[in-house]
Amino acid sequence: MDLDWSPADLAFRDEVRSFLDEKLTDDLRRAGRLATSVYPDHEASMAWQAILHERGWAAPAWPVKYGGCDWSLTQHYIFGRECTLAGAPSLSPMGIRMVAHAIMAFGTSAQKDFFLPRILTGEVFFCQGYSEPEAGSDLASLTMAAVPDGEDLVVTGSKIWTTHATEANWIFALVRTSKRAKKQQGITFVLIDMSTPGIEIRPLVMTSGEQVQNQVFFDQVRVPQANVLGSIDDGWTVAKYLLNFERGGGAAAPALQVMAEGLARAAQEQVGPNGGALIDDPAFAAKLADARLRADVLEILEYRTLALVSSGKDPGPAASTIKILGTELSQALTELALEAAGPRGRVYQPHATMPGGPIADFTPPADGFVVGADWQAVAPLRYFNDRAGSIYAGSNEIQRNIIAKATLGL
């Protein structure tokens, strides 16, 4: 494995850096820096998407004919890495990185023509309707019913943990259209207009106080069968394609390295338990050193996976390994950040941050006063939100089962 970028790759990196220097404004960088979870401030994220779209870089992993970029896997990786290092706010993955690929693979010409250009511009903003109160990791147990009635499906039931449902104008959902002996059968993948009568959204208040997740209720909601993606009763095929689809050379290590380096700088200014700088406290320094080493190891693993994919080889369960290492390291770093923040990190002051959703039952001080630095205000909210990292996108226990089956045959 050659860890050196080629001259062409270095030239591309410089092009991306120049673009970021010019277009990534201070306000957008602030939104990235003060984000309290993997979901940044919605308005900042959409503003950044518009800038990327103007350059033709909003969805680089899409096929060129739909508005993507003719980049190598290495260039995809470089682009993601440089955006992270520059502090750009992330884009919502639900449309560009997820359902768009399913629409390309299973959609009709009319569905492609309507949705894909609007996803790029942000005119169509999707949320995901998968989990239900009784169907989480065991997604095939879902029960939200869709009964055929003429040219429509009549949908009744609820979805939970639906991110940005209040901002979205469309939802892609899995619904139960028939009962079969095998529970994966009889499921249909459907696209639902969120303005349809009968839909109610109830925000869920997270431990951080944010309202990013929601429960969405459907009461006799009529959905045109023309909005079915793929075939009725064969939605599991579409869902597997979407969930397993990985493209674009995404990188987790750069964001974790940025977190670790920022924490090291902050620890130089913070007072440790012995009165000196926190960075000189042996216990804290050892934990931080361990985190930085783990971030570097993760980067090497991502490079190794990239090299395998670029050469046409099967990376095996690398995605599961990266997901485990990345989320657990992120949890360790947010715990260290909360420790470094000291007493000021125990003050609840979300007005100093840029969360991914509204804050419930909080009135900021009239003068906007903040105790400590902004990173100290962010630290507790990131800590609380990051506890979910080892659960969403397939819990880490499930990922370990995948690794055990793939590598040990268990």
Protein backbone atom coordinates (compact mmCIF):
# COMPACT_ATOMS: atom_id res chain seq x y z
CA MET A 1 0.00 0.00 0.00
CA ASP A 2 1.45 3.34 -1.11
CA LEU A 3 0.51 6.12 1.33
CA ASP A 4 1.86 8.91 -0.86
CA TRP A 5 -0.57 10.91 -3.00
CA SER A 6 0.24 11.09 -6.71
CA PRO A 7 1.09 14.47 -8.28
CA ALA A 8 -2.44 14.54 -9.75
CA ASP A 9 -3.93 13.85 -6.33
CA LEU A 10 -1.87 16.62 -4.76
CA ALA A 11 -3.00 19.04 -7.47
CA PHE A 12 -6.61 18.07 -6.80
CA ARG A 13 -6.08 18.56 -3.07
CA ASP A 14 -4.75 22.06 -3.72
CA GLU A 15 -7.76 22.82 -5.93
CA VAL A 16 -10.12 21.76 -3.14
CA ARG A 17 -8.22 23.80 -0.57
CA SER A 18 -8.36 26.88 -2.78
CA PHE A 19 -12.11 26.43 -3.21
CA LEU A 20 -12.62 26.05 0.53
CA ASP A 21 -10.51 29.12 1.28
CA GLU A 22 -12.67 31.16 -1.08
CA LYS A 23 -16.16 29.79 -0.47
CA LEU A 24 -16.25 28.48 3.10
CA THR A 25 -17.25 31.60 4.97
CA ASP A 26 -16.58 32.33 8.62
CA ASP A 27 -20.25 31.77 9.41
CA LEU A 28 -20.20 28.33 7.79
CA ARG A 29 -16.98 27.41 9.58
CA ARG A 30 -18.60 28.51 12.83
CA ALA A 31 -21.56 26.24 12.13
CA GLY A 32 -19.18 23.33 11.67
CA ARG A 33 -17.15 24.19 14.77
CA LEU A 34 -20.17 24.68 17.04
CA ALA A 35 -22.16 21.68 15.80
CA THR A 36 -23.38 19.56 18.70
CA SER A 37 -23.83 16.29 16.81
CA VAL A 38 -23.35 14.70 13.41
CA TYR A 39 -26.21 16.93 12.23
CA PRO A 40 -25.20 20.61 11.95
CA ASP A 41 -27.43 23.66 11.89
CA HIS A 42 -29.95 23.01 9.10
CA GLU A 43 -29.78 26.43 7.47
CA ALA A 44 -25.97 26.40 7.42
CA SER A 45 -25.94 22.91 5.94
CA MET A 46 -28.34 23.90 3.16
CA ALA A 47 -26.36 27.08 2.45
CA TRP A 48 -23.19 25.03 2.08
CA GLN A 49 -25.01 22.56 -0.20
CA ALA A 50 -26.04 25.45 -2.46
CA ILE A 51 -22.43 26.60 -2.72
CA LEU A 52 -21.25 23.08 -3.51
CA HIS A 53 -24.03 22.64 -6.06
CA GLU A 54 -22.99 25.82 -7.84
CA ARG A 55 -19.51 24.32 -8.22
CA GLY A 56 -20.89 20.90 -9.21
CA TRP A 57 -19.62 19.26 -6.04
CA ALA A 58 -22.80 18.74 -3.99
CA ALA A 59 -23.04 15.06 -4.90
CA PRO A 60 -19.64 14.00 -6.24
CA ALA A 61 -20.39 10.30 -5.75
CA TRP A 62 -23.35 10.40 -8.13
CA PRO A 63 -22.89 9.28 -11.74
CA VAL A 64 -21.83 12.15 -13.95
CA LYS A 65 -25.05 12.00 -15.99
CA TYR A 66 -27.04 12.86 -12.87
CA GLY A 67 -24.75 15.66 -11.69
CA GLY A 68 -21.88 13.79 -10.03
CA CYS A 69 -18.13 14.08 -10.54
CA ASP A 70 -15.80 11.91 -12.57
CA TRP A 71 -13.43 11.47 -9.63
CA SER A 72 -11.31 8.56 -8.53
CA LEU A 73 -11.94 6.97 -5.14
CA THR A 74 -8.81 8.72 -3.91
CA GLN A 75 -10.18 12.09 -4.99
CA HIS A 76 -13.45 11.39 -3.19
CA TYR A 77 -11.46 10.62 -0.05
CA ILE A 78 -9.35 13.76 -0.41
CA PHE A 79 -12.41 15.95 -0.92
CA GLY A 80 -14.13 14.60 2.19
CA ARG A 81 -10.95 14.89 4.23
CA GLU A 82 -10.22 18.48 3.19
CA CYS A 83 -13.81 19.59 3.88
CA THR A 84 -13.56 18.10 7.35
CA LEU A 85 -10.17 19.65 8.08
CA ALA A 86 -11.48 23.05 6.93
CA GLY A 87 -14.46 22.82 9.28
CA ALA A 88 -17.22 22.70 6.69
CA PRO A 89 -20.69 21.77 7.98
CA SER A 90 -21.81 18.36 6.81
CA LEU A 91 -24.70 17.78 4.42
CA SER A 92 -27.73 15.73 5.35
CA PRO A 93 -27.09 12.18 4.12
CA MET A 94 -30.74 11.19 3.68
CA GLY A 95 -31.15 12.54 0.16
CA ILE A 96 -27.79 12.86 -1.54
CA ARG A 97 -26.00 9.88 0.02
CA MET A 98 -28.91 7.51 0.58
CA VAL A 99 -32.25 7.57 -1.20
CA ALA A 100 -30.86 9.20 -4.36
CA HIS A 101 -28.86 6.06 -5.13
CA ALA A 102 -31.93 3.90 -4.65
CA ILE A 103 -33.89 6.17 -7.00
CA MET A 104 -31.14 5.82 -9.61
CA ALA A 105 -31.19 2.04 -9.32
CA PHE A 106 -34.90 1.31 -8.92
CA GLY A 107 -36.76 4.47 -9.90
CA THR A 108 -38.82 5.09 -13.00
CA SER A 109 -37.77 7.74 -15.49
CA ALA A 110 -40.41 10.05 -14.05
CA GLN A 111 -39.12 9.51 -10.50
CA LYS A 112 -35.53 10.17 -11.55
CA ASP A 113 -36.48 13.29 -13.50
CA PHE A 114 -38.47 14.72 -10.61
CA PHE A 115 -36.41 13.85 -7.55
CA LEU A 116 -32.74 13.83 -8.52
CA PRO A 117 -32.39 17.46 -9.71
CA ARG A 118 -34.42 18.68 -6.73
CA ILE A 119 -32.35 16.69 -4.25
CA LEU A 120 -29.24 18.38 -5.66
CA THR A 121 -30.66 21.88 -5.26
CA GLY A 122 -32.19 21.16 -1.85
CA GLU A 123 -35.71 21.82 -3.09
CA VAL A 124 -36.54 18.25 -2.04
CA PHE A 125 -35.25 17.41 1.43
CA PHE A 126 -35.75 13.82 2.58
CA CYS A 127 -36.01 12.23 5.98
CA GLN A 128 -35.94 8.49 6.61
CA GLY A 129 -38.87 6.40 7.81
CA TYR A 130 -37.43 3.05 8.83
CA SER A 131 -37.48 2.42 12.60
CA GLU A 132 -40.71 1.88 14.48
CA PRO A 133 -41.36 1.60 18.21
CA GLU A 134 -41.23 -2.21 17.88
CA ALA A 135 -38.84 -2.48 14.94
CA GLY A 136 -35.35 -1.07 15.33
CA SER A 137 -32.35 -3.30 14.64
CA ASP A 138 -34.86 -5.99 13.66
CA LEU A 139 -36.19 -3.75 10.92
CA ALA A 140 -38.02 -6.52 9.07
CA SER A 141 -40.48 -6.67 11.98
CA LEU A 142 -42.00 -3.35 10.90
CA THR A 143 -45.80 -3.17 10.91
CA MET A 144 -46.77 0.23 9.47
CA ALA A 145 -49.49 -0.83 7.05
CA ALA A 146 -50.07 0.29 3.46
CA VAL A 147 -53.34 -0.99 1.99
CA PRO A 148 -53.93 -0.72 -1.77
CA ASP A 149 -56.99 1.36 -2.66
CA GLY A 150 -57.35 2.13 -6.36
CA GLU A 151 -54.25 3.95 -7.52
CA ASP A 152 -53.17 4.76 -3.96
CA LEU A 153 -51.73 3.07 -0.90
CA VAL A 154 -53.44 4.04 2.35
CA VAL A 155 -50.73 4.21 5.02
CA THR A 156 -51.38 3.92 8.77
CA GLY A 157 -48.84 3.57 11.57
CA SER A 158 -45.81 5.43 12.90
CA LYS A 159 -42.07 5.82 12.47
CA ILE A 160 -39.64 6.85 15.19
CA TRP A 161 -36.17 8.41 15.50
CA THR A 162 -36.88 10.28 12.27
CA THR A 163 -34.15 12.88 11.94
CA HIS A 164 -35.17 16.33 10.67
CA ALA A 165 -38.77 15.30 10.00
CA THR A 166 -39.85 18.87 10.75
CA GLU A 167 -37.48 20.24 8.08
CA ALA A 168 -38.14 17.54 5.46
CA ASN A 169 -40.76 17.83 2.75
CA TRP A 170 -40.45 14.16 1.69
CA ILE A 171 -39.86 10.91 3.56
CA PHE A 172 -38.72 7.56 2.18
CA ALA A 173 -40.33 4.80 4.16
CA LEU A 174 -40.68 1.06 4.46
CA VAL A 175 -44.28 -0.08 4.83
CA ARG A 176 -46.02 -3.44 5.22
CA THR A 177 -48.16 -4.19 2.16
CA SER A 178 -48.75 -7.89 2.88
CA LYS A 179 -47.98 -10.57 5.44
CA ARG A 180 -45.80 -13.44 4.30
CA ALA A 181 -44.16 -16.42 5.97
CA LYS A 182 -40.82 -14.63 5.74
CA LYS A 183 -41.05 -11.19 7.36
CA GLN A 184 -38.66 -9.59 4.85
CA GLN A 185 -41.29 -10.24 2.20
CA GLY A 186 -44.36 -8.08 1.89
CA ILE A 187 -42.45 -4.85 2.54
CA THR A 188 -42.67 -1.93 0.11
CA PHE A 189 -40.37 1.06 -0.30
CA VAL A 190 -42.36 4.24 -0.84
CA LEU A 191 -41.73 7.99 -1.20
CA ILE A 192 -44.24 10.12 0.72
CA ASP A 193 -44.91 13.84 0.43
CA MET A 194 -44.79 15.18 4.01
CA SER A 195 -47.52 17.74 3.24
CA THR A 196 -50.07 14.95 2.66
CA PRO A 197 -53.09 15.15 4.99
CA GLY A 198 -52.96 12.71 7.90
CA ILE A 199 -49.29 13.13 8.83
CA GLU A 200 -48.44 14.36 12.33
CA ILE A 201 -44.92 15.02 13.62
CA ARG A 202 -44.10 14.92 17.34
CA PRO A 203 -40.58 16.06 18.24
CA LEU A 204 -38.55 13.93 20.63
CA VAL A 205 -36.42 15.83 23.15
CA MET A 206 -32.96 14.30 23.39
CA THR A 207 -30.79 14.27 26.50
CA SER A 208 -29.03 17.34 25.08
CA GLY A 209 -32.36 19.20 24.99
CA GLU A 210 -32.38 19.26 21.17
CA GLN A 211 -35.35 18.35 19.00
CA VAL A 212 -33.64 16.67 16.05
CA GLN A 213 -35.35 13.28 16.21
CA ASN A 214 -39.09 12.84 15.85
CA GLN A 215 -41.92 10.36 15.85
CA VAL A 216 -44.06 10.60 12.73
CA PHE A 217 -47.66 9.35 12.74
CA PHE A 218 -49.58 8.37 9.61
CA ASP A 219 -53.37 8.25 9.82
CA GLN A 220 -54.99 6.97 6.62
CA VAL A 221 -52.40 8.80 4.51
CA ARG A 222 -53.03 8.36 0.79
CA VAL A 223 -49.86 7.80 -1.22
CA PRO A 224 -49.95 7.34 -5.00
CA GLN A 225 -48.69 3.91 -6.05
CA ALA A 226 -46.62 5.85 -8.58
CA ASN A 227 -44.44 6.79 -5.57
CA VAL A 228 -43.45 3.18 -4.92
CA LEU A 229 -39.75 2.62 -5.53
CA GLY A 230 -39.19 -0.77 -7.11
CA SER A 231 -42.05 -3.25 -6.84
CA ILE A 232 -44.81 -3.62 -4.28
CA ASP A 233 -43.87 -6.28 -1.69
CA ASP A 234 -40.21 -6.15 -2.80
CA GLY A 235 -39.09 -3.12 -0.82
CA TRP A 236 -36.59 -5.16 1.18
CA THR A 237 -34.50 -5.47 -1.97
CA VAL A 238 -34.42 -1.68 -2.30
CA ALA A 239 -33.69 -1.23 1.42
CA LYS A 240 -30.76 -3.66 1.35
CA TYR A 241 -29.33 -1.86 -1.65
CA LEU A 242 -29.64 1.50 0.06
CA LEU A 243 -28.27 0.36 3.43
CA ASN A 244 -25.31 -1.47 1.92
CA PHE A 245 -24.51 1.19 -0.67
CA GLU A 246 -21.19 2.79 0.01
CA ARG A 247 -19.59 5.20 -2.38
CA GLY A 248 -17.53 8.35 -2.26
CA GLY A 249 -14.51 7.45 -0.13
CA GLY A 250 -15.91 8.84 3.13
CA ALA A 251 -13.40 9.37 5.91
CA ALA A 252 -14.06 9.30 9.65
CA ALA A 253 -10.47 9.74 10.85
CA PRO A 254 -9.93 13.41 9.83
CA ALA A 255 -12.83 14.66 11.99
CA LEU A 256 -11.55 12.67 14.95
CA GLN A 257 -8.02 13.97 14.43
CA VAL A 258 -9.37 17.53 14.37
CA MET A 259 -11.23 16.83 17.62
CA ALA A 260 -8.09 15.42 19.24
CA GLU A 261 -5.88 18.30 18.15
CA GLY A 262 -8.40 20.87 19.30
CA LEU A 263 -8.64 19.12 22.64
CA ALA A 264 -4.86 19.15 22.99
CA ARG A 265 -4.78 22.92 22.39
CA ALA A 266 -7.57 23.51 24.90
CA ALA A 267 -5.82 21.34 27.51
CA GLN A 268 -2.78 23.60 27.34
CA GLU A 269 -4.94 26.46 28.65
CA GLN A 270 -7.01 24.50 31.17
CA VAL A 271 -5.93 24.04 34.77
CA GLY A 272 -5.31 20.43 35.76
CA PRO A 273 -5.95 18.76 39.13
CA ASN A 274 -2.46 19.67 40.38
CA GLY A 275 -2.67 23.35 39.47
CA GLY A 276 -0.62 23.10 36.30
CA ALA A 277 -1.80 22.81 32.71
CA LEU A 278 -4.23 19.96 32.14
CA ILE A 279 -2.09 18.69 29.26
CA ASP A 280 0.68 18.02 31.82
CA ASP A 281 -1.53 15.86 34.00
CA PRO A 282 -0.25 12.28 33.43
CA ALA A 283 -3.68 10.64 33.53
CA PHE A 284 -5.29 13.07 31.09
CA ALA A 285 -2.23 13.13 28.83
CA ALA A 286 -2.23 9.32 28.63
CA LYS A 287 -5.91 9.20 27.62
CA LEU A 288 -5.41 11.91 25.02
CA ALA A 289 -2.31 10.18 23.62
CA ASP A 290 -4.28 6.94 23.34
CA ALA A 291 -7.07 8.72 21.47
CA ARG A 292 -4.64 10.35 19.05
CA LEU A 293 -2.98 7.00 18.33
CA ARG A 294 -6.37 5.40 17.72
CA ALA A 295 -7.27 8.18 15.29
CA ASP A 296 -4.03 7.60 13.37
CA VAL A 297 -4.66 3.85 13.29
CA LEU A 298 -8.16 4.48 11.97
CA GLU A 299 -6.72 6.71 9.24
CA ILE A 300 -4.34 3.93 8.17
CA LEU A 301 -7.24 1.47 8.11
CA GLU A 302 -9.24 3.88 5.93
CA TYR A 303 -6.28 4.26 3.57
CA ARG A 304 -5.93 0.48 3.44
CA THR A 305 -9.62 0.05 2.64
CA LEU A 306 -9.39 2.75 -0.01
CA ALA A 307 -6.40 0.98 -1.60
CA LEU A 308 -8.29 -2.33 -1.71
CA VAL A 309 -11.41 -0.82 -3.25
CA SER A 310 -9.37 1.21 -5.75
CA SER A 311 -7.67 -1.98 -6.94
CA GLY A 312 -11.00 -3.77 -7.35
CA LYS A 313 -10.60 -6.02 -4.32
CA ASP A 314 -13.21 -6.86 -1.72
CA PRO A 315 -12.47 -4.98 1.53
CA GLY A 316 -14.50 -7.52 3.50
CA PRO A 317 -16.06 -6.27 6.73
CA ALA A 318 -13.90 -3.12 6.79
CA ALA A 319 -16.95 -0.85 6.88
CA SER A 320 -18.13 -2.53 10.09
CA THR A 321 -14.65 -2.25 11.61
CA ILE A 322 -14.40 1.44 10.72
CA LYS A 323 -17.87 2.13 12.10
CA ILE A 324 -16.99 0.50 15.45
CA LEU A 325 -13.59 2.15 15.79
CA GLY A 326 -14.84 5.55 14.65
CA THR A 327 -17.92 5.81 16.86
CA GLU A 328 -16.23 4.44 19.97
CA LEU A 329 -13.26 6.76 19.51
CA SER A 330 -15.63 9.70 19.03
CA GLN A 331 -17.35 8.78 22.29
CA ALA A 332 -13.97 8.64 24.04
CA LEU A 333 -13.01 12.07 22.69
CA THR A 334 -16.29 13.72 23.69
CA GLU A 335 -15.84 12.25 27.17
CA LEU A 336 -12.34 13.73 27.32
CA ALA A 337 -13.67 17.08 26.08
CA LEU A 338 -16.24 17.12 28.86
CA GLU A 339 -13.48 16.35 31.37
CA ALA A 340 -11.30 19.13 29.96
CA ALA A 341 -14.17 21.62 30.05
CA GLY A 342 -14.22 21.35 33.82
CA PRO A 343 -16.98 23.10 35.83
CA ARG A 344 -17.86 25.35 32.88
CA GLY A 345 -18.72 22.24 30.88
CA ARG A 346 -21.45 21.47 33.39
CA VAL A 347 -23.33 24.66 32.60
CA TYR A 348 -26.22 24.19 30.16
CA GLN A 349 -25.87 26.97 27.60
CA PRO A 350 -27.01 25.77 24.16
CA HIS A 351 -27.33 29.38 22.98
CA ALA A 352 -23.54 29.37 22.58
CA THR A 353 -23.74 26.46 20.12
CA MET A 354 -25.29 25.75 16.72
CA PRO A 355 -27.36 22.60 17.29
CA GLY A 356 -29.04 20.54 14.61
CA GLY A 357 -32.54 21.41 15.82
CA PRO A 358 -34.57 23.58 18.19
CA ILE A 359 -33.83 23.54 21.92
CA ALA A 360 -36.78 22.60 24.11
CA ASP A 361 -37.82 24.67 27.12
CA PHE A 362 -34.80 26.95 27.20
CA THR A 363 -34.70 30.73 27.34
CA PRO A 364 -31.23 32.19 26.77
CA PRO A 365 -30.04 35.09 28.91
CA ALA A 366 -31.11 38.46 27.54
CA ASP A 367 -27.53 39.62 27.14
CA GLY A 368 -26.36 36.32 25.58
CA PHE A 369 -23.88 35.74 28.39
CA VAL A 370 -21.78 32.56 28.12
CA VAL A 371 -19.65 31.04 30.85
CA GLY A 372 -16.27 30.02 29.49
CA ALA A 373 -15.25 29.42 25.87
CA ASP A 374 -17.61 28.23 23.15
CA TRP A 375 -16.01 24.76 23.07
CA GLN A 376 -16.87 24.36 26.74
CA ALA A 377 -20.52 25.07 25.94
CA VAL A 378 -20.45 22.57 23.07
CA ALA A 379 -18.75 19.81 25.08
CA PRO A 380 -21.72 18.54 27.16
CA LEU A 381 -24.14 18.59 24.23
CA ARG A 382 -21.73 16.66 22.01
CA TYR A 383 -21.13 14.22 24.85
CA PHE A 384 -24.83 13.47 25.25
CA ASN A 385 -25.52 13.25 21.52
CA ASP A 386 -22.53 11.04 20.84
CA ARG A 387 -23.81 8.29 23.13
CA ALA A 388 -26.07 7.30 20.22
CA GLY A 389 -23.10 6.82 17.87
CA SER A 390 -22.65 3.18 18.78
CA ILE A 391 -26.37 2.51 18.22
CA TYR A 392 -27.44 4.25 15.01
CA ALA A 393 -26.57 2.98 11.52
CA GLY A 394 -26.48 -0.55 12.89
CA SER A 395 -25.45 -0.97 16.51
CA ASN A 396 -21.84 -1.84 17.21
CA GLU A 397 -22.98 -5.20 18.59
CA ILE A 398 -24.52 -5.96 15.18
CA GLN A 399 -21.31 -4.79 13.48
CA ARG A 400 -19.27 -7.16 15.62
CA ASN A 401 -21.58 -10.00 14.62
CA ILE A 402 -20.98 -9.11 10.97
CA ILE A 403 -17.21 -9.20 11.52
CA ALA A 404 -17.41 -12.51 13.40
CA LYS A 405 -19.45 -14.09 10.63
CA ALA A 406 -17.30 -12.71 7.80
CA THR A 407 -13.88 -13.40 9.27
CA LEU A 408 -14.37 -16.28 11.73
CA GLY A 409 -17.35 -18.01 10.19
CA LEU A 410 -19.29 -17.85 13.44
